[in-house]
Amino acid sequence: MLVVSAMAWIASLAKRPEGELDRLIKRIGAILLVGAVIFTAFYLFDRWRPAAPAIVDQELVALEAAVREDPADVAARGRLADVYVAKGRYDEAITQYNAVLETGKAEELAKFGRAGAYMGLEQYDLAAADYQAVVEIAKGGEMANVDPMLEAAYYGLGSIAMKQARPADAIPFLENALRIKRSDADALYLIGQAYAQTGATDKAEIALRRAVAFVPIGWSEPYAALAEAFTNAGRTAMAEWASVMADVAVGKVDTAESRLKAIVDTEAGLDAAIGLGLLYESRGELVAAAEWYEAALARDATNDAALLGLGRVGPVPVADPAQPAPSAGEVTQP
């Protein structure tokens, strides 16, 4: 029946005038086109979703919504303020920290966070006041000798003093920070600068050497500070070693090998040997690195940097007596 009806409808189309048939065909085509557009739009609307924002942005949106929903949620406000600091939105962070402080809760956390926001705005006096407030709260605590927030507050005060060209004032703050965390390389570097600027060259060398012991490669500033201190003290070879290592730290290695080998027979020989070990290690030349670390240990058997280096690369392989000895040109001799 359906087939017969369809054939009858087609036959009736054939009997229509040509102009009317053209108009009908165009109308059907337009209907099909509109239908295709509608289907495509529906598909896109149903299937397409905008790209998800970054995780920190998602967290920011969620925290802002949480604070709007419950303005008394101190934890959400504090976390929102921290995220604002991470995003560099310091004024908004301070507004949130102030709101937390008005509740009388979480004073230490809020003042510590607000100090960081003030640091971002370079409002150092206000930051110092907040860091000092944290110190007053935390220094009498049972865990003060291992309190990371107290250590960070002391470091913040020392950093502000250095920014304000007050190295003598920075030293006690940084000493307190290092009593809590002896391995704080940033504090060691900063106190080394402070010692150097106040004329305590020997203390500066000790602190800066400890800083580079924790971060021997990839951090040029402590080496540059050592180079300056050694230059001021007239210790040319030591200044050259520190200068080479500062260059190595920023990827300037073209002349490092020859410059370090040129000072291995000077007072900088131990440091130059360790520097060569680090240089070869960074290239993946582990046998040569081991040779130089062992050369350093021949000068000082208890040197921590050389011991650590040798522990990383392994000892120099012992030659197999059954194999012919390599020629002198095939072995890197320290």
Protein backbone atom coordinates (compact mmCIF):
# COMPACT_ATOMS: atom_id res chain seq x y z
CA MET A 1 0.00 0.00 0.00
CA LEU A 2 2.82 2.40 0.93
CA VAL A 3 4.66 1.65 -2.29
CA VAL A 4 1.50 2.25 -4.35
CA SER A 5 0.86 5.58 -2.60
CA ALA A 6 4.41 6.70 -3.20
CA MET A 7 4.21 5.81 -6.88
CA ALA A 8 0.92 7.68 -7.21
CA TRP A 9 2.50 10.78 -5.55
CA ILE A 10 5.45 10.65 -7.96
CA ALA A 11 3.07 10.30 -10.90
CA SER A 12 1.12 13.35 -9.72
CA LEU A 13 4.37 15.36 -9.59
CA ALA A 14 5.03 14.52 -13.21
CA LYS A 15 1.67 16.02 -14.19
CA ARG A 16 2.35 19.40 -12.46
CA PRO A 17 3.39 22.42 -14.55
CA GLU A 18 7.14 22.83 -14.94
CA GLY A 19 7.32 26.13 -13.00
CA GLU A 20 5.35 24.78 -10.08
CA LEU A 21 7.54 21.67 -10.02
CA ASP A 22 10.72 23.82 -9.87
CA ARG A 23 9.33 25.83 -6.96
CA LEU A 24 8.41 22.65 -5.11
CA ILE A 25 11.88 21.18 -5.61
CA LYS A 26 13.51 24.40 -4.29
CA ARG A 27 11.16 24.40 -1.27
CA ILE A 28 12.05 20.80 -0.44
CA GLY A 29 15.77 21.64 -0.82
CA ALA A 30 15.43 24.58 1.58
CA ILE A 31 13.66 22.41 4.13
CA LEU A 32 16.44 19.81 3.92
CA LEU A 33 19.13 22.54 4.30
CA VAL A 34 17.45 24.05 7.38
CA GLY A 35 17.05 20.59 8.83
CA ALA A 36 20.76 19.89 8.34
CA VAL A 37 21.72 23.17 10.05
CA ILE A 38 19.39 22.45 12.97
CA PHE A 39 20.77 18.91 13.33
CA THR A 40 24.37 20.16 13.26
CA ALA A 41 23.62 22.86 15.84
CA PHE A 42 21.88 20.34 18.07
CA TYR A 43 24.80 17.91 17.78
CA LEU A 44 27.35 20.59 18.68
CA PHE A 45 25.26 21.83 21.59
CA ASP A 46 24.77 18.30 22.86
CA ARG A 47 28.38 17.11 22.40
CA TRP A 48 30.69 20.12 22.67
CA ARG A 49 31.99 21.30 26.01
CA PRO A 50 34.40 24.21 26.63
CA ALA A 51 37.95 23.33 27.64
CA ALA A 52 38.36 22.85 31.40
CA PRO A 53 40.25 25.68 33.13
CA ALA A 54 43.54 25.01 34.89
CA ILE A 55 43.32 23.19 38.22
CA VAL A 56 44.30 26.29 40.21
CA ASP A 57 41.60 28.27 38.41
CA GLN A 58 39.05 25.58 39.16
CA GLU A 59 40.07 25.71 42.81
CA LEU A 60 39.82 29.50 42.77
CA VAL A 61 36.29 29.40 41.37
CA ALA A 62 35.26 26.78 43.93
CA LEU A 63 36.75 28.73 46.84
CA GLU A 64 35.15 31.98 45.76
CA ALA A 65 31.81 30.20 45.60
CA ALA A 66 32.37 28.66 49.04
CA VAL A 67 33.14 32.05 50.58
CA ARG A 68 30.06 33.61 48.97
CA GLU A 69 27.92 30.77 50.27
CA ASP A 70 29.37 30.89 53.78
CA PRO A 71 31.31 34.10 54.58
CA ALA A 72 32.11 32.71 58.04
CA ASP A 73 34.09 29.78 56.59
CA VAL A 74 37.55 30.74 57.84
CA ALA A 75 39.29 27.77 56.22
CA ALA A 76 37.86 28.61 52.79
CA ARG A 77 38.82 32.28 53.15
CA GLY A 78 42.34 31.39 54.18
CA ARG A 79 42.80 28.99 51.29
CA LEU A 80 41.28 31.52 48.89
CA ALA A 81 43.77 34.12 50.10
CA ASP A 82 46.64 31.66 49.56
CA VAL A 83 45.48 31.00 45.99
CA TYR A 84 45.22 34.74 45.34
CA VAL A 85 48.87 35.06 46.44
CA ALA A 86 49.84 32.21 44.12
CA LYS A 87 48.09 34.03 41.27
CA GLY A 88 49.81 37.33 42.12
CA ARG A 89 46.51 38.97 43.18
CA TYR A 90 48.03 40.37 46.35
CA ASP A 91 45.48 43.08 47.18
CA GLU A 92 42.62 40.58 47.02
CA ALA A 93 44.64 38.19 49.17
CA ILE A 94 45.16 40.85 51.82
CA THR A 95 41.42 41.54 51.88
CA GLN A 96 40.75 37.87 52.61
CA TYR A 97 43.49 37.61 55.25
CA ASN A 98 42.07 40.71 56.95
CA ALA A 99 38.64 39.09 56.99
CA VAL A 100 40.13 36.02 58.66
CA LEU A 101 41.91 38.15 61.25
CA GLU A 102 38.66 39.94 62.09
CA THR A 103 37.25 36.62 63.26
CA GLY A 104 40.01 36.30 65.86
CA LYS A 105 40.91 32.86 64.49
CA ALA A 106 44.00 31.47 62.75
CA GLU A 107 46.01 34.61 63.56
CA GLU A 108 49.41 33.01 62.98
CA LEU A 109 48.47 31.53 59.61
CA ALA A 110 46.70 34.68 58.43
CA LYS A 111 49.55 37.00 59.39
CA PHE A 112 52.11 34.70 57.83
CA GLY A 113 50.11 34.58 54.61
CA ARG A 114 49.51 38.32 54.62
CA ALA A 115 53.24 38.93 55.05
CA GLY A 116 53.81 37.02 51.83
CA ALA A 117 51.24 39.18 50.05
CA TYR A 118 52.92 42.34 51.35
CA MET A 119 56.25 40.98 50.09
CA GLY A 120 54.68 40.58 46.66
CA LEU A 121 53.66 44.25 46.78
CA GLU A 122 57.15 45.21 48.06
CA GLN A 123 55.58 46.72 51.18
CA TYR A 124 58.43 45.47 53.31
CA ASP A 125 57.68 47.30 56.56
CA LEU A 126 54.17 45.85 56.67
CA ALA A 127 55.51 42.40 55.80
CA ALA A 128 58.12 42.68 58.57
CA ALA A 129 55.43 43.56 61.12
CA ASP A 130 53.48 40.44 60.21
CA TYR A 131 56.54 38.18 60.23
CA GLN A 132 57.51 39.56 63.63
CA ALA A 133 53.99 38.85 64.91
CA VAL A 134 54.39 35.24 63.75
CA VAL A 135 57.71 35.02 65.60
CA GLU A 136 56.12 36.31 68.81
CA ILE A 137 53.33 33.74 68.54
CA ALA A 138 55.50 30.76 67.61
CA LYS A 139 58.82 31.18 69.39
CA GLY A 140 57.43 29.98 72.72
CA GLY A 141 55.80 26.90 71.30
CA GLU A 142 56.78 23.39 72.29
CA MET A 143 57.90 22.63 68.73
CA ALA A 144 59.61 25.97 68.10
CA ASN A 145 62.98 24.33 67.41
CA VAL A 146 61.50 22.49 64.40
CA ASP A 147 58.65 24.85 63.44
CA PRO A 148 58.84 25.45 59.64
CA MET A 149 56.57 28.52 59.81
CA LEU A 150 58.77 30.09 62.49
CA GLU A 151 61.84 29.31 60.39
CA ALA A 152 60.22 30.91 57.35
CA ALA A 153 59.25 33.99 59.37
CA TYR A 154 62.85 34.44 60.55
CA TYR A 155 64.03 34.00 56.95
CA GLY A 156 61.46 36.58 55.81
CA LEU A 157 62.74 39.10 58.35
CA GLY A 158 66.34 38.45 57.27
CA SER A 159 65.39 38.80 53.62
CA ILE A 160 63.66 42.14 54.27
CA ALA A 161 66.69 43.43 56.17
CA MET A 162 68.92 42.54 53.22
CA LYS A 163 66.53 44.22 50.76
CA GLN A 164 66.69 47.33 52.91
CA ALA A 165 70.53 47.26 52.97
CA ARG A 166 70.73 46.30 56.65
CA PRO A 167 73.03 43.23 56.56
CA ALA A 168 74.01 43.47 60.24
CA ASP A 169 70.32 43.33 61.20
CA ALA A 170 69.72 40.39 58.85
CA ILE A 171 72.33 38.13 60.46
CA PRO A 172 70.52 37.36 63.77
CA PHE A 173 67.27 36.56 61.95
CA LEU A 174 69.02 34.23 59.52
CA GLU A 175 71.01 32.58 62.31
CA ASN A 176 67.70 31.82 64.05
CA ALA A 177 66.30 30.38 60.83
CA LEU A 178 69.34 28.13 60.43
CA ARG A 179 69.07 26.89 64.01
CA ILE A 180 65.68 25.47 63.02
CA LYS A 181 66.71 24.22 59.57
CA ARG A 182 70.44 23.89 59.01
CA SER A 183 69.91 22.70 55.44
CA ASP A 184 68.10 25.84 54.26
CA ALA A 185 70.33 26.67 51.29
CA ASP A 186 68.54 29.99 50.68
CA ALA A 187 69.20 31.11 54.25
CA LEU A 188 72.83 30.01 53.97
CA TYR A 189 73.26 32.00 50.78
CA LEU A 190 71.63 35.08 52.28
CA ILE A 191 73.61 34.98 55.51
CA GLY A 192 76.77 34.45 53.47
CA GLN A 193 76.01 37.69 51.65
CA ALA A 194 75.32 39.44 54.95
CA TYR A 195 78.61 38.23 56.44
CA ALA A 196 80.51 39.36 53.34
CA GLN A 197 78.91 42.80 53.43
CA THR A 198 79.82 43.22 57.09
CA GLY A 199 83.44 42.16 56.55
CA ALA A 200 83.18 38.67 58.11
CA THR A 201 84.86 36.99 55.13
CA ASP A 202 85.66 33.71 56.86
CA LYS A 203 82.06 33.25 58.02
CA ALA A 204 80.83 34.23 54.56
CA GLU A 205 82.97 31.50 52.97
CA ILE A 206 81.69 28.86 55.40
CA ALA A 207 78.03 29.75 54.81
CA LEU A 208 78.32 30.02 51.04
CA ARG A 209 80.25 26.76 50.80
CA ARG A 210 77.49 25.06 52.78
CA ALA A 211 74.93 26.54 50.38
CA VAL A 212 76.68 25.15 47.29
CA ALA A 213 77.22 21.82 49.06
CA PHE A 214 73.43 21.43 49.18
CA VAL A 215 72.96 22.70 45.60
CA PRO A 216 76.28 22.13 43.78
CA ILE A 217 74.98 22.53 40.22
CA GLY A 218 72.43 24.87 38.64
CA TRP A 219 72.61 27.72 41.17
CA SER A 220 75.09 30.42 40.26
CA GLU A 221 74.46 33.09 42.90
CA PRO A 222 76.37 31.51 45.82
CA TYR A 223 79.37 30.85 43.58
CA ALA A 224 79.28 34.45 42.36
CA ALA A 225 79.18 35.67 45.96
CA LEU A 226 82.14 33.43 46.80
CA ALA A 227 84.06 34.76 43.80
CA GLU A 228 83.52 38.30 45.02
CA ALA A 229 84.54 37.45 48.58
CA PHE A 230 87.72 35.65 47.45
CA THR A 231 88.59 38.51 45.10
CA ASN A 232 88.25 41.00 47.94
CA ALA A 233 90.48 38.78 50.07
CA GLY A 234 93.14 38.58 47.32
CA ARG A 235 92.77 34.81 46.87
CA THR A 236 93.03 34.69 43.08
CA ALA A 237 92.90 30.94 42.51
CA MET A 238 89.90 30.49 44.79
CA ALA A 239 88.14 33.38 43.06
CA GLU A 240 88.81 31.71 39.70
CA TRP A 241 87.35 28.40 40.92
CA ALA A 242 84.19 30.11 42.18
CA SER A 243 83.89 32.13 38.97
CA VAL A 244 84.18 28.99 36.81
CA MET A 245 81.52 27.21 38.86
CA ALA A 246 79.19 30.22 38.57
CA ASP A 247 79.58 29.98 34.78
CA VAL A 248 78.98 26.24 34.81
CA ALA A 249 75.80 26.77 36.82
CA VAL A 250 74.33 28.90 34.01
CA GLY A 251 75.50 26.61 31.21
CA LYS A 252 78.72 28.38 30.22
CA VAL A 253 80.91 25.28 30.05
CA ASP A 254 83.06 25.76 26.95
CA THR A 255 86.20 26.79 28.84
CA ALA A 256 85.34 25.32 32.25
CA GLU A 257 87.44 22.17 31.90
CA SER A 258 90.64 23.96 30.92
CA ARG A 259 90.18 26.69 33.52
CA LEU A 260 89.65 24.19 36.35
CA LYS A 261 92.61 22.04 35.27
CA ALA A 262 94.76 25.19 35.27
CA ILE A 263 94.27 25.61 39.03
CA VAL A 264 94.43 22.01 40.28
CA ASP A 265 97.95 22.60 41.64
CA THR A 266 97.00 25.75 43.57
CA GLU A 267 95.24 26.29 46.87
CA ALA A 268 92.01 25.78 44.90
CA GLY A 269 93.08 22.26 43.85
CA LEU A 270 90.61 20.37 46.03
CA ASP A 271 87.69 22.47 44.89
CA ALA A 272 88.86 22.34 41.27
CA ALA A 273 89.00 18.52 41.40
CA ILE A 274 85.45 18.36 42.76
CA GLY A 275 84.37 20.89 40.13
CA LEU A 276 85.84 18.70 37.39
CA GLY A 277 84.05 15.71 38.87
CA LEU A 278 80.76 17.59 38.74
CA LEU A 279 81.46 18.78 35.20
CA TYR A 280 82.18 15.28 33.88
CA GLU A 281 79.25 13.85 35.84
CA SER A 282 76.91 16.40 34.22
CA ARG A 283 78.14 15.19 30.81
CA GLY A 284 77.51 11.55 31.70
CA GLU A 285 81.26 10.76 31.64
CA LEU A 286 81.12 8.77 34.86
CA VAL A 287 84.56 7.17 34.78
CA ALA A 288 86.27 10.53 34.35
CA ALA A 289 84.04 12.00 37.08
CA ALA A 290 85.00 9.18 39.45
CA GLU A 291 88.70 9.78 38.76
CA TRP A 292 88.41 13.41 39.77
CA TYR A 293 86.34 12.65 42.86
CA GLU A 294 89.00 10.13 43.90
CA ALA A 295 91.68 12.75 43.23
CA ALA A 296 89.81 15.08 45.58
CA LEU A 297 89.61 12.36 48.24
CA ALA A 298 93.36 11.82 47.91
CA ARG A 299 93.70 15.40 49.14
CA ASP A 300 90.94 15.18 51.77
CA ALA A 301 89.65 11.70 52.57
CA THR A 302 86.65 13.07 54.51
CA ASN A 303 85.43 15.62 51.97
CA ASP A 304 81.64 15.29 51.87
CA ALA A 305 81.20 16.66 48.33
CA ALA A 306 83.74 14.21 46.90
CA LEU A 307 82.30 11.29 48.87
CA LEU A 308 78.77 12.10 47.71
CA GLY A 309 79.96 12.50 44.12
CA LEU A 310 81.77 9.18 44.15
CA GLY A 311 78.69 7.58 45.68
CA ARG A 312 76.63 8.82 42.73
CA VAL A 313 78.95 7.77 39.92
CA GLY A 314 80.60 4.71 41.48
CA PRO A 315 84.32 4.02 41.90
CA VAL A 316 86.79 3.95 39.04
CA PRO A 317 86.58 0.50 37.43
CA VAL A 318 89.49 -1.81 38.24
CA ALA A 319 91.37 -2.79 35.09
CA ASP A 320 91.02 -6.44 34.03
CA PRO A 321 94.57 -7.89 34.02
CA ALA A 322 93.57 -10.12 31.12
CA GLN A 323 92.87 -7.09 28.96
CA PRO A 324 95.60 -4.94 27.37
CA ALA A 325 96.18 -1.64 29.20
CA PRO A 326 94.69 1.40 27.45
CA SER A 327 97.01 3.99 25.99
CA ALA A 328 97.55 7.24 27.85
CA GLY A 329 95.31 9.08 25.41
CA GLU A 330 92.38 6.80 26.22
CA VAL A 331 92.21 7.65 29.93
CA THR A 332 91.40 11.01 31.50
CA GLN A 333 94.02 11.47 34.18
CA PRO A 334 93.37 13.96 37.01
